[in-house]
């Protein structure tokens, strides 16, 4: 896969809130600070993975996407949804989002 452009969490925090997004977390799951860390955008990462997969398979994917997060994949869906206000082109392609056994109850 191609490397993704990294964006600073501190840079992201400046744009958050105005467009309805939520603030980026200040600590990772292990409690380590993310301030100033280079964190790729989840949507850009997914799009890069899809482009790489299309190239390797030599086939086009459908124009619409259905996203499903099973178990810990729900965390990935959450990261994608936090960026929804900043990624209208990507979310225009998403037909549905499904959480499967995400432990949200």
Protein backbone atom coordinates (compact mmCIF):
# COMPACT_ATOMS: atom_id res chain seq x y z
CA UNK A 1 0.00 0.00 0.00
CA UNK A 2 1.02 3.55 -0.64
CA UNK A 3 1.97 5.68 2.38
CA UNK A 4 -0.76 7.99 3.59
CA UNK A 5 -0.38 11.69 4.23
CA UNK A 6 -0.14 12.13 7.97
CA UNK A 7 -1.95 14.91 9.76
CA UNK A 8 -1.22 16.11 13.21
CA UNK A 9 -3.93 15.52 15.80
CA UNK A 10 -3.28 19.08 16.97
CA UNK A 11 -3.97 20.33 13.40
CA UNK A 12 -7.18 18.29 13.23
CA UNK A 13 -8.42 19.68 16.54
CA UNK A 14 -8.44 23.21 15.13
CA UNK A 15 -10.94 22.25 12.41
CA UNK A 16 -13.12 20.11 14.63
CA UNK A 17 -16.40 21.34 16.02
CA UNK A 18 -17.18 23.98 13.41
CA UNK A 19 -18.52 21.40 10.94
CA UNK A 20 -20.20 19.14 13.48
CA UNK A 21 -17.29 16.73 13.96
CA UNK A 22 -16.01 15.53 17.29
CA UNK A 23 -12.65 16.35 18.81
CA UNK A 24 -9.82 13.92 18.14
CA UNK A 25 -8.84 11.90 21.22
CA UNK A 26 -5.83 13.12 23.20
CA UNK A 27 -4.75 9.60 24.27
CA UNK A 28 -4.63 6.23 22.53
CA UNK A 29 -6.10 3.02 23.97
CA UNK A 30 -2.89 2.45 25.97
CA UNK A 31 -3.10 5.90 27.55
CA UNK A 32 -0.24 7.38 25.50
CA UNK A 33 -0.56 11.01 24.40
CA UNK A 34 -1.46 11.63 20.75
CA UNK A 35 -0.79 15.37 20.89
CA UNK A 36 1.52 16.24 18.05
CA UNK A 37 1.53 12.65 16.77
CA UNK A 38 1.12 12.08 13.05
CA UNK A 39 -2.16 10.25 12.61
CA UNK A 40 -3.49 9.39 9.13
CA UNK A 41 -7.14 10.11 8.40
CA UNK A 42 -9.24 6.93 8.55
CA UNK A 43 -11.13 7.76 5.36
CA UNK A 44 -7.94 8.43 3.38
CA UNK A 45 -6.46 5.19 4.70
CA UNK A 46 -9.52 3.16 3.64
CA UNK A 47 -9.59 4.78 0.19
CA UNK A 48 -5.88 4.01 -0.31
CA UNK A 49 -6.45 0.38 0.70
CA UNK A 50 -9.39 0.09 -1.72
CA UNK A 51 -7.36 1.61 -4.58
CA UNK A 52 -4.48 -0.78 -3.92
CA UNK A 53 -6.83 -3.76 -3.82
CA UNK A 54 -8.51 -2.69 -7.08
CA UNK A 55 -5.12 -2.39 -8.77
CA UNK A 56 -3.98 -5.79 -7.53
CA UNK A 57 -7.22 -7.49 -8.56
CA UNK A 58 -7.40 -5.63 -11.86
CA UNK A 59 -11.11 -4.99 -11.36
CA UNK A 60 -13.32 -2.02 -10.59
CA UNK A 61 -15.32 -1.98 -7.36
CA UNK A 62 -18.97 -0.93 -7.34
CA UNK A 63 -19.65 2.79 -7.12
CA UNK A 64 -21.40 2.41 -3.75
CA UNK A 65 -19.99 0.99 -0.54
CA UNK A 66 -21.53 -0.89 2.38
CA UNK A 67 -19.35 -0.68 5.48
CA UNK A 68 -19.52 -3.39 8.12
CA UNK A 69 -17.58 -3.44 11.37
CA UNK A 70 -17.44 -6.74 13.22
CA UNK A 71 -16.36 -6.69 16.87
CA UNK A 72 -13.30 -4.42 17.10
CA UNK A 73 -13.99 -3.26 13.53
CA UNK A 74 -16.60 -1.03 15.15
CA UNK A 75 -13.71 1.16 16.31
CA UNK A 76 -12.71 1.64 12.68
CA UNK A 77 -16.28 2.57 11.75
CA UNK A 78 -16.30 5.06 14.61
CA UNK A 79 -13.11 6.67 13.29
CA UNK A 80 -14.63 6.89 9.81
CA UNK A 81 -17.85 8.41 11.14
CA UNK A 82 -15.94 11.04 13.14
CA UNK A 83 -14.59 12.29 9.80
CA UNK A 84 -17.95 12.25 8.02
CA UNK A 85 -18.36 16.04 7.98
CA UNK A 86 -14.95 16.51 6.40
CA UNK A 87 -15.26 13.77 3.75
CA UNK A 88 -18.51 14.37 1.81
CA UNK A 89 -17.24 12.73 -1.42
CA UNK A 90 -16.45 9.47 0.37
CA UNK A 91 -19.69 9.41 2.36
CA UNK A 92 -21.69 10.11 -0.79
CA UNK A 93 -20.60 6.63 -1.94
CA UNK A 94 -21.60 4.88 1.31
CA UNK A 95 -24.98 3.18 1.07
CA UNK A 96 -25.09 1.69 4.58
CA UNK A 97 -23.05 1.24 7.77
CA UNK A 98 -23.53 -1.86 9.91
CA UNK A 99 -22.17 -2.57 13.39
CA UNK A 100 -22.01 -6.33 14.00
CA UNK A 101 -21.41 -7.62 17.53
CA UNK A 102 -19.72 -4.36 18.45
CA UNK A 103 -20.38 -4.65 22.17
CA UNK A 104 -22.27 -1.34 22.17
CA UNK A 105 -25.14 -2.57 24.35
